[in-house]
C-alpha cells in the first residue's frame, strides 16, 4: 500500500491552463490539495492498514484465515488486504480482543473449536462456549503440559503478589482461584494431584465450591486419575519435589 500524488490540468477563465498537484489516499481515493493534509488524514481503511501489526488484529486475521480454510478448502488463503476489506473485519478483530482479554488457553485450538462448532461469529464470545471449550481441552491435556502451564501461572502470580510461588494454593485469593479454575488456567490435573491444593478448598465457601464443581468434575477426574496411575505418580513426584 502506498499514497499517490497526481497532477491535474485546470482551466481558468478559458485562457490559462495550470497544473494543480493533488494528493490521493490509496485507501478511500479521496484527494487533497496538500501533502500534509493527506499525511494526517485517517479513513477507516487506512486505520486498518496501520493497525495490521496489532496483536488483536493479527489474531483476528489468523481466525479469518482458519475460517476461510475450513469453508473453502483448497483455495488460496486470504491476504491481509482482503481481510481488512472484508465485511467481517470488525467481528474478527473484536474476537481477537476477546481472546487477549480473556487470556484464552491455546488460542488457535479455541479458534478451531468455535469454527468446527459451526456457530455464528456473534456467538463465539458467549460465556458458555468458552466454558465448554475449557472442560474439553482440560480433559485432553497431558499431565506434563498441565504442569508446565500451571508452574508458569504460579510464577507470574508470585511476581505480581511478592509471595513465594510454592505458596500458590495456600495464599491465592479464593475468588481469583474460582475465576482461574472456571477459565481453565488452573488445570484439574494439578488440583487432583497436588497436596497443597487442599489448602485452597478449605478456604473456599460453599458458593465458591459450587461455582467450580462442573469445571473440576469430581466423578470424571477421580476416574481419570485412577486410570492413569503412572502419569499421576510422575506428576505427584514432580509436584512434591517443588513443594506443592
C-alpha atoms as a PDB file:
ATOM      1  CA  UNK A   1       0.000   0.000   0.000  1.00  0.00           C
ATOM      2  CA  UNK A   2       1.226   3.490  -0.819  1.00  0.00           C
ATOM      3  CA  UNK A   3      -0.030   7.037  -1.108  1.00  0.00           C
ATOM      4  CA  UNK A   4      -0.073   8.653  -4.549  1.00  0.00           C
ATOM      5  CA  UNK A   5       0.267  12.137  -5.925  1.00  0.00           C
ATOM      6  CA  UNK A   6      -1.192  13.167  -9.247  1.00  0.00           C
ATOM      7  CA  UNK A   7      -1.274  16.311 -11.347  1.00  0.00           C
ATOM      8  CA  UNK A   8      -4.450  17.648 -12.844  1.00  0.00           C
ATOM      9  CA  UNK A   9      -4.920  20.293 -15.504  1.00  0.00           C
ATOM     10  CA  UNK A  10      -7.333  23.037 -14.511  1.00  0.00           C
ATOM     11  CA  UNK A  11      -8.581  25.675 -16.961  1.00  0.00           C
ATOM     12  CA  UNK A  12      -9.063  29.170 -15.517  1.00  0.00           C
ATOM     13  CA  UNK A  13     -11.195  31.732 -17.382  1.00  0.00           C
ATOM     14  CA  UNK A  14     -10.734  29.770 -20.624  1.00  0.00           C
ATOM     15  CA  UNK A  15      -7.402  31.482 -21.182  1.00  0.00           C
ATOM     16  CA  UNK A  16      -4.989  29.821 -18.805  1.00  0.00           C
ATOM     17  CA  UNK A  17      -4.291  26.234 -18.038  1.00  0.00           C
ATOM     18  CA  UNK A  18      -2.390  25.461 -14.858  1.00  0.00           C
ATOM     19  CA  UNK A  19      -1.223  22.225 -13.358  1.00  0.00           C
ATOM     20  CA  UNK A  20      -2.556  21.520  -9.871  1.00  0.00           C
ATOM     21  CA  UNK A  21      -0.994  18.869  -7.698  1.00  0.00           C
ATOM     22  CA  UNK A  22      -3.364  16.721  -5.693  1.00  0.00           C
ATOM     23  CA  UNK A  23      -2.558  14.054  -3.149  1.00  0.00           C
ATOM     24  CA  UNK A  24      -4.765  10.971  -3.124  1.00  0.00           C
ATOM     25  CA  UNK A  25      -5.374   8.414  -0.409  1.00  0.00           C
ATOM     26  CA  UNK A  26      -4.834   4.931  -1.832  1.00  0.00           C
ATOM     27  CA  UNK A  27      -7.404   3.525   0.574  1.00  0.00           C
ATOM     28  CA  UNK A  28     -10.503   5.712   0.132  1.00  0.00           C
ATOM     29  CA  UNK A  29      -9.409   7.566  -3.044  1.00  0.00           C
ATOM     30  CA  UNK A  30     -10.122  10.943  -1.510  1.00  0.00           C
ATOM     31  CA  UNK A  31      -7.901  13.739  -2.864  1.00  0.00           C
ATOM     32  CA  UNK A  32      -6.278  16.613  -1.000  1.00  0.00           C
ATOM     33  CA  UNK A  33      -4.513  19.742  -2.167  1.00  0.00           C
ATOM     34  CA  UNK A  34      -1.753  19.466   0.423  1.00  0.00           C
ATOM     35  CA  UNK A  35       0.505  16.524   1.214  1.00  0.00           C
ATOM     36  CA  UNK A  36       0.413  17.474   4.900  1.00  0.00           C
ATOM     37  CA  UNK A  37      -3.382  17.119   4.895  1.00  0.00           C
ATOM     38  CA  UNK A  38      -3.079  13.678   3.362  1.00  0.00           C
ATOM     39  CA  UNK A  39      -0.492  12.726   5.969  1.00  0.00           C
ATOM     40  CA  UNK A  40      -2.899  13.373   8.856  1.00  0.00           C
ATOM     41  CA  UNK A  41      -5.926  12.012   7.026  1.00  0.00           C
ATOM     42  CA  UNK A  42      -7.180   8.757   8.610  1.00  0.00           C
ATOM     43  CA  UNK A  43     -10.010   6.955   6.878  1.00  0.00           C
ATOM     44  CA  UNK A  44     -11.275   3.595   8.128  1.00  0.00           C
ATOM     45  CA  UNK A  45      -9.315   1.506   5.642  1.00  0.00           C
ATOM     46  CA  UNK A  46      -6.102   3.439   6.279  1.00  0.00           C
ATOM     47  CA  UNK A  47      -6.561   2.910  10.011  1.00  0.00           C
ATOM     48  CA  UNK A  48      -6.991  -0.821   9.424  1.00  0.00           C
ATOM     49  CA  UNK A  49      -3.802  -0.903   7.376  1.00  0.00           C
ATOM     50  CA  UNK A  50      -1.750   0.861  10.046  1.00  0.00           C
ATOM     51  CA  UNK A  51      -3.200  -1.406  12.748  1.00  0.00           C
ATOM     52  CA  UNK A  52      -2.194  -4.584  10.914  1.00  0.00           C
ATOM     53  CA  UNK A  53       0.598  -5.438  13.397  1.00  0.00           C
ATOM     54  CA  UNK A  54      -1.569  -5.004  16.485  1.00  0.00           C
ATOM     55  CA  UNK A  55      -1.862  -8.317  18.328  1.00  0.00           C
ATOM     56  CA  UNK A  56      -5.658  -8.410  18.339  1.00  0.00           C
ATOM     57  CA  UNK A  57      -5.718  -7.702  14.590  1.00  0.00           C
ATOM     58  CA  UNK A  58      -3.194 -10.464  13.868  1.00  0.00           C
ATOM     59  CA  UNK A  59      -5.298 -12.902  15.915  1.00  0.00           C
ATOM     60  CA  UNK A  60      -8.417 -11.793  14.064  1.00  0.00           C
ATOM     61  CA  UNK A  61      -6.690 -12.224  10.706  1.00  0.00           C
ATOM     62  CA  UNK A  62      -5.473 -15.680  11.691  1.00  0.00           C
ATOM     63  CA  UNK A  63      -9.004 -16.659  12.768  1.00  0.00           C
ATOM     64  CA  UNK A  64     -10.353 -15.337   9.455  1.00  0.00           C
ATOM     65  CA  UNK A  65      -7.816 -17.438   7.526  1.00  0.00           C
ATOM     66  CA  UNK A  66      -8.672 -20.570   9.547  1.00  0.00           C
ATOM     67  CA  UNK A  67     -12.374 -19.944   8.966  1.00  0.00           C
ATOM     68  CA  UNK A  68     -11.772 -19.430   5.237  1.00  0.00           C
ATOM     69  CA  UNK A  69      -9.640 -22.575   5.004  1.00  0.00           C
ATOM     70  CA  UNK A  70     -12.376 -24.731   6.541  1.00  0.00           C
ATOM     71  CA  UNK A  71     -15.128 -23.092   4.486  1.00  0.00           C
ATOM     72  CA  UNK A  72     -13.237 -23.169   1.175  1.00  0.00           C
ATOM     73  CA  UNK A  73     -10.662 -25.998   1.306  1.00  0.00           C
ATOM     74  CA  UNK A  74      -8.016 -25.850  -1.366  1.00  0.00           C
ATOM     75  CA  UNK A  75      -8.425 -22.154  -2.082  1.00  0.00           C
ATOM     76  CA  UNK A  76      -5.667 -19.599  -1.536  1.00  0.00           C
ATOM     77  CA  UNK A  77      -5.796 -18.148   1.956  1.00  0.00           C
ATOM     78  CA  UNK A  78      -6.859 -14.503   2.128  1.00  0.00           C
ATOM     79  CA  UNK A  79      -4.186 -11.829   2.399  1.00  0.00           C
ATOM     80  CA  UNK A  80      -4.365  -9.079   4.970  1.00  0.00           C
ATOM     81  CA  UNK A  81      -5.615  -6.671   2.291  1.00  0.00           C
ATOM     82  CA  UNK A  82      -8.549  -8.976   1.585  1.00  0.00           C
ATOM     83  CA  UNK A  83      -9.221  -9.340   5.301  1.00  0.00           C
ATOM     84  CA  UNK A  84      -9.207  -5.612   6.002  1.00  0.00           C
ATOM     85  CA  UNK A  85     -11.667  -5.042   3.158  1.00  0.00           C
ATOM     86  CA  UNK A  86     -13.932  -7.819   4.356  1.00  0.00           C
ATOM     87  CA  UNK A  87     -17.341  -7.107   5.900  1.00  0.00           C
ATOM     88  CA  UNK A  88     -16.290  -9.452   8.724  1.00  0.00           C
ATOM     89  CA  UNK A  89     -13.187  -7.465   9.691  1.00  0.00           C
ATOM     90  CA  UNK A  90     -14.832  -5.867  12.746  1.00  0.00           C
ATOM     91  CA  UNK A  91     -16.289  -9.158  14.015  1.00  0.00           C
ATOM     92  CA  UNK A  92     -12.973 -10.993  13.734  1.00  0.00           C
ATOM     93  CA  UNK A  93     -10.896  -8.228  15.313  1.00  0.00           C
ATOM     94  CA  UNK A  94     -13.384  -7.989  18.184  1.00  0.00           C
ATOM     95  CA  UNK A  95     -12.892 -11.723  18.623  1.00  0.00           C
ATOM     96  CA  UNK A  96      -9.131 -11.145  18.674  1.00  0.00           C
ATOM     97  CA  UNK A  97      -9.564  -8.643  21.530  1.00  0.00           C
ATOM     98  CA  UNK A  98     -11.768 -11.138  23.364  1.00  0.00           C
ATOM     99  CA  UNK A  99      -9.067 -13.813  23.155  1.00  0.00           C
ATOM    100  CA  UNK A 100      -6.469 -11.403  24.581  1.00  0.00           C
ATOM    101  CA  UNK A 101      -8.700 -10.019  27.332  1.00  0.00           C
ATOM    102  CA  UNK A 102      -9.778 -13.478  28.481  1.00  0.00           C
ATOM    103  CA  UNK A 103      -6.240 -14.844  28.195  1.00  0.00           C
ATOM    104  CA  UNK A 104      -7.604 -17.877  26.369  1.00  0.00           C
ATOM    105  CA  UNK A 105      -5.593 -21.062  26.789  1.00  0.00           C
ATOM    106  CA  UNK A 106      -4.310 -22.389  23.445  1.00  0.00           C
ATOM    107  CA  UNK A 107      -5.911 -19.653  21.297  1.00  0.00           C
ATOM    108  CA  UNK A 108      -5.559 -21.498  17.984  1.00  0.00           C
ATOM    109  CA  UNK A 109      -7.295 -24.560  19.456  1.00  0.00           C
ATOM    110  CA  UNK A 110     -10.116 -22.330  20.648  1.00  0.00           C
ATOM    111  CA  UNK A 111     -10.457 -20.716  17.215  1.00  0.00           C
ATOM    112  CA  UNK A 112     -10.626 -24.163  15.610  1.00  0.00           C
ATOM    113  CA  UNK A 113     -13.147 -25.237  18.262  1.00  0.00           C
ATOM    114  CA  UNK A 114     -15.626 -22.416  17.577  1.00  0.00           C
ATOM    115  CA  UNK A 115     -15.294 -22.781  13.816  1.00  0.00           C
ATOM    116  CA  UNK A 116     -15.964 -26.525  13.914  1.00  0.00           C
ATOM    117  CA  UNK A 117     -18.988 -25.946  16.141  1.00  0.00           C
ATOM    118  CA  UNK A 118     -20.448 -24.047  13.153  1.00  0.00           C
ATOM    119  CA  UNK A 119     -21.545 -21.193  15.384  1.00  0.00           C
ATOM    120  CA  UNK A 120     -22.274 -17.717  14.011  1.00  0.00           C
ATOM    121  CA  UNK A 121     -19.315 -15.479  14.798  1.00  0.00           C
ATOM    122  CA  UNK A 122     -21.519 -13.306  17.007  1.00  0.00           C
ATOM    123  CA  UNK A 123     -21.796 -16.294  19.390  1.00  0.00           C
ATOM    124  CA  UNK A 124     -18.065 -17.028  19.603  1.00  0.00           C
ATOM    125  CA  UNK A 125     -17.733 -14.786  22.656  1.00  0.00           C
ATOM    126  CA  UNK A 126     -20.664 -16.288  24.548  1.00  0.00           C
ATOM    127  CA  UNK A 127     -19.504 -17.416  28.048  1.00  0.00           C
ATOM    128  CA  UNK A 128     -20.969 -20.920  27.704  1.00  0.00           C
ATOM    129  CA  UNK A 129     -18.905 -21.520  24.545  1.00  0.00           C
ATOM    130  CA  UNK A 130     -15.578 -20.886  26.266  1.00  0.00           C
ATOM    131  CA  UNK A 131     -16.706 -22.806  29.351  1.00  0.00           C
ATOM    132  CA  UNK A 132     -17.424 -25.840  27.202  1.00  0.00           C
ATOM    133  CA  UNK A 133     -14.062 -25.451  25.472  1.00  0.00           C
ATOM    134  CA  UNK A 134     -12.250 -25.300  28.817  1.00  0.00           C
ATOM    135  CA  UNK A 135     -13.833 -28.518  30.026  1.00  0.00           C
ATOM    136  CA  UNK A 136     -12.984 -30.341  26.802  1.00  0.00           C
ATOM    137  CA  UNK A 137      -9.413 -29.068  26.464  1.00  0.00           C
ATOM    138  CA  UNK A 138      -8.642 -29.866  30.111  1.00  0.00           C
ATOM    139  CA  UNK A 139      -9.656 -33.485  29.569  1.00  0.00           C
ATOM    140  CA  UNK A 140      -7.346 -33.807  26.556  1.00  0.00           C
ATOM    141  CA  UNK A 141      -4.340 -32.042  28.086  1.00  0.00           C
ATOM    142  CA  UNK A 142      -1.381 -34.201  29.104  1.00  0.00           C
ATOM    143  CA  UNK A 143      -0.057 -34.070  32.700  1.00  0.00           C
ATOM    144  CA  UNK A 144       3.284 -32.624  31.566  1.00  0.00           C
ATOM    145  CA  UNK A 145       1.571 -29.858  29.561  1.00  0.00           C
ATOM    146  CA  UNK A 146      -0.663 -29.069  32.541  1.00  0.00           C
ATOM    147  CA  UNK A 147       2.343 -28.940  34.881  1.00  0.00           C
ATOM    148  CA  UNK A 148       4.371 -26.637  32.628  1.00  0.00           C
ATOM    149  CA  UNK A 149       1.447 -24.283  32.084  1.00  0.00           C
ATOM    150  CA  UNK A 150       0.484 -24.103  35.757  1.00  0.00           C
ATOM    151  CA  UNK A 151       4.040 -23.588  37.001  1.00  0.00           C
ATOM    152  CA  UNK A 152       4.282 -20.559  34.686  1.00  0.00           C
ATOM    153  CA  UNK A 153       0.979 -19.294  36.074  1.00  0.00           C
ATOM    154  CA  UNK A 154       2.191 -19.692  39.649  1.00  0.00           C
ATOM    155  CA  UNK A 155       5.449 -17.914  38.895  1.00  0.00           C
ATOM    156  CA  UNK A 156       3.554 -14.994  37.371  1.00  0.00           C
ATOM    157  CA  UNK A 157       1.258 -14.898  40.409  1.00  0.00           C
ATOM    158  CA  UNK A 158       4.349 -14.808  42.630  1.00  0.00           C
ATOM    159  CA  UNK A 159       5.788 -11.860  40.695  1.00  0.00           C
ATOM    160  CA  UNK A 160       2.508  -9.990  40.965  1.00  0.00           C
ATOM    161  CA  UNK A 161       1.988 -10.626  44.681  1.00  0.00           C
ATOM    162  CA  UNK A 162       5.518 -10.909  46.066  1.00  0.00           C
ATOM    163  CA  UNK A 163       4.625 -14.284  47.597  1.00  0.00           C
ATOM    164  CA  UNK A 164       6.659 -17.487  47.109  1.00  0.00           C
ATOM    165  CA  UNK A 165       5.158 -19.353  44.171  1.00  0.00           C
ATOM    166  CA  UNK A 166       5.083 -22.626  46.114  1.00  0.00           C
ATOM    167  CA  UNK A 167       2.505 -20.966  48.415  1.00  0.00           C
ATOM    168  CA  UNK A 168       0.145 -20.543  45.478  1.00  0.00           C
ATOM    169  CA  UNK A 169      -2.666 -22.731  46.829  1.00  0.00           C
ATOM    170  CA  UNK A 170      -2.159 -21.534  50.385  1.00  0.00           C
ATOM    171  CA  UNK A 171      -2.324 -17.814  49.656  1.00  0.00           C
ATOM    172  CA  UNK A 172      -4.073 -17.166  46.345  1.00  0.00           C
ATOM    173  CA  UNK A 173      -7.257 -15.145  46.747  1.00  0.00           C
ATOM    174  CA  UNK A 174     -10.106 -17.670  46.658  1.00  0.00           C
ATOM    175  CA  UNK A 175     -12.242 -15.536  44.327  1.00  0.00           C
ATOM    176  CA  UNK A 176      -9.346 -15.284  41.893  1.00  0.00           C
ATOM    177  CA  UNK A 177      -8.829 -19.042  42.137  1.00  0.00           C
ATOM    178  CA  UNK A 178     -12.506 -19.608  41.269  1.00  0.00           C
ATOM    179  CA  UNK A 179     -12.121 -17.393  38.196  1.00  0.00           C
ATOM    180  CA  UNK A 180      -8.936 -19.143  37.085  1.00  0.00           C
ATOM    181  CA  UNK A 181     -10.435 -22.613  37.537  1.00  0.00           C
ATOM    182  CA  UNK A 182     -13.513 -21.632  35.554  1.00  0.00           C
ATOM    183  CA  UNK A 183     -11.489 -20.177  32.662  1.00  0.00           C
ATOM    184  CA  UNK A 184      -9.114 -23.146  32.577  1.00  0.00           C
ATOM    185  CA  UNK A 185      -5.949 -21.513  33.844  1.00  0.00           C
ATOM    186  CA  UNK A 186      -5.687 -23.930  36.788  1.00  0.00           C
ATOM    187  CA  UNK A 187      -5.768 -27.498  35.493  1.00  0.00           C
ATOM    188  CA  UNK A 188      -7.712 -30.308  37.200  1.00  0.00           C
ATOM    189  CA  UNK A 189      -4.567 -32.421  36.769  1.00  0.00           C
ATOM    190  CA  UNK A 190      -2.853 -30.166  39.297  1.00  0.00           C
ATOM    191  CA  UNK A 191      -5.898 -29.811  41.547  1.00  0.00           C
ATOM    192  CA  UNK A 192      -6.245 -33.578  41.964  1.00  0.00           C
ATOM    193  CA  UNK A 193      -2.569 -34.406  42.427  1.00  0.00           C
ATOM    194  CA  UNK A 194      -1.136 -31.503  44.439  1.00  0.00           C
ATOM    195  CA  UNK A 195      -1.262 -31.967  48.216  1.00  0.00           C
ATOM    196  CA  UNK A 196      -1.387 -28.221  48.807  1.00  0.00           C
ATOM    197  CA  UNK A 197      -4.469 -27.816  46.587  1.00  0.00           C
ATOM    198  CA  UNK A 198      -6.494 -28.954  49.574  1.00  0.00           C
ATOM    199  CA  UNK A 199      -5.423 -25.741  51.372  1.00  0.00           C
ATOM    200  CA  UNK A 200      -7.324 -23.783  48.746  1.00  0.00           C
ATOM    201  CA  UNK A 201     -10.513 -25.816  49.011  1.00  0.00           C
ATOM    202  CA  UNK A 202     -10.532 -25.488  52.804  1.00  0.00           C
ATOM    203  CA  UNK A 203     -10.588 -21.698  52.372  1.00  0.00           C
ATOM    204  CA  UNK A 204     -13.435 -21.727  49.859  1.00  0.00           C
ATOM    205  CA  UNK A 205     -17.029 -21.232  50.953  1.00  0.00           C
ATOM    206  CA  UNK A 206     -19.969 -23.304  49.716  1.00  0.00           C
ATOM    207  CA  UNK A 207     -20.870 -20.833  46.990  1.00  0.00           C
ATOM    208  CA  UNK A 208     -17.331 -20.841  45.580  1.00  0.00           C
ATOM    209  CA  UNK A 209     -17.197 -24.636  45.637  1.00  0.00           C
ATOM    210  CA  UNK A 210     -20.496 -24.831  43.756  1.00  0.00           C
ATOM    211  CA  UNK A 211     -19.160 -22.410  41.124  1.00  0.00           C
ATOM    212  CA  UNK A 212     -16.224 -24.662  40.255  1.00  0.00           C
ATOM    213  CA  UNK A 213     -17.881 -28.064  40.623  1.00  0.00           C
ATOM    214  CA  UNK A 214     -18.736 -28.551  36.957  1.00  0.00           C
ATOM    215  CA  UNK A 215     -15.223 -27.440  35.946  1.00  0.00           C
ATOM    216  CA  UNK A 216     -13.361 -29.891  38.135  1.00  0.00           C
ATOM    217  CA  UNK A 217     -15.946 -32.687  37.605  1.00  0.00           C
ATOM    218  CA  UNK A 218     -15.040 -34.865  40.609  1.00  0.00           C
ATOM    219  CA  UNK A 219     -16.509 -38.127  39.233  1.00  0.00           C
ATOM    220  CA  UNK A 220     -14.766 -37.782  35.854  1.00  0.00           C
ATOM    221  CA  UNK A 221     -11.386 -36.719  37.223  1.00  0.00           C
ATOM    222  CA  UNK A 222     -11.255 -39.264  40.022  1.00  0.00           C
ATOM    223  CA  UNK A 223     -11.813 -41.963  37.427  1.00  0.00           C
ATOM    224  CA  UNK A 224      -9.208 -40.409  35.116  1.00  0.00           C
ATOM    225  CA  UNK A 225      -6.639 -40.228  37.900  1.00  0.00           C
ATOM    226  CA  UNK A 226      -7.304 -43.869  38.743  1.00  0.00           C
ATOM    227  CA  UNK A 227      -6.875 -44.975  35.123  1.00  0.00           C
ATOM    228  CA  UNK A 228      -3.601 -43.069  34.639  1.00  0.00           C
ATOM    229  CA  UNK A 229      -1.619 -44.331  37.605  1.00  0.00           C
ATOM    230  CA  UNK A 230       1.826 -43.921  36.029  1.00  0.00           C
ATOM    231  CA  UNK A 231       1.162 -40.374  34.865  1.00  0.00           C
ATOM    232  CA  UNK A 232      -0.331 -39.452  38.219  1.00  0.00           C
ATOM    233  CA  UNK A 233       2.615 -40.955  40.110  1.00  0.00           C
ATOM    234  CA  UNK A 234       5.023 -38.933  37.964  1.00  0.00           C
ATOM    235  CA  UNK A 235       3.003 -35.739  38.420  1.00  0.00           C
ATOM    236  CA  UNK A 236       2.737 -36.172  42.195  1.00  0.00           C
ATOM    237  CA  UNK A 237       6.501 -36.734  42.404  1.00  0.00           C
ATOM    238  CA  UNK A 238       7.178 -33.569  40.395  1.00  0.00           C
ATOM    239  CA  UNK A 239       4.781 -31.504  42.493  1.00  0.00           C
ATOM    240  CA  UNK A 240       6.139 -32.792  45.783  1.00  0.00           C
ATOM    241  CA  UNK A 241       9.643 -32.120  44.525  1.00  0.00           C
ATOM    242  CA  UNK A 242       8.913 -28.396  44.180  1.00  0.00           C
ATOM    243  CA  UNK A 243       6.917 -28.169  47.393  1.00  0.00           C
ATOM    244  CA  UNK A 244       3.398 -28.397  46.042  1.00  0.00           C
END
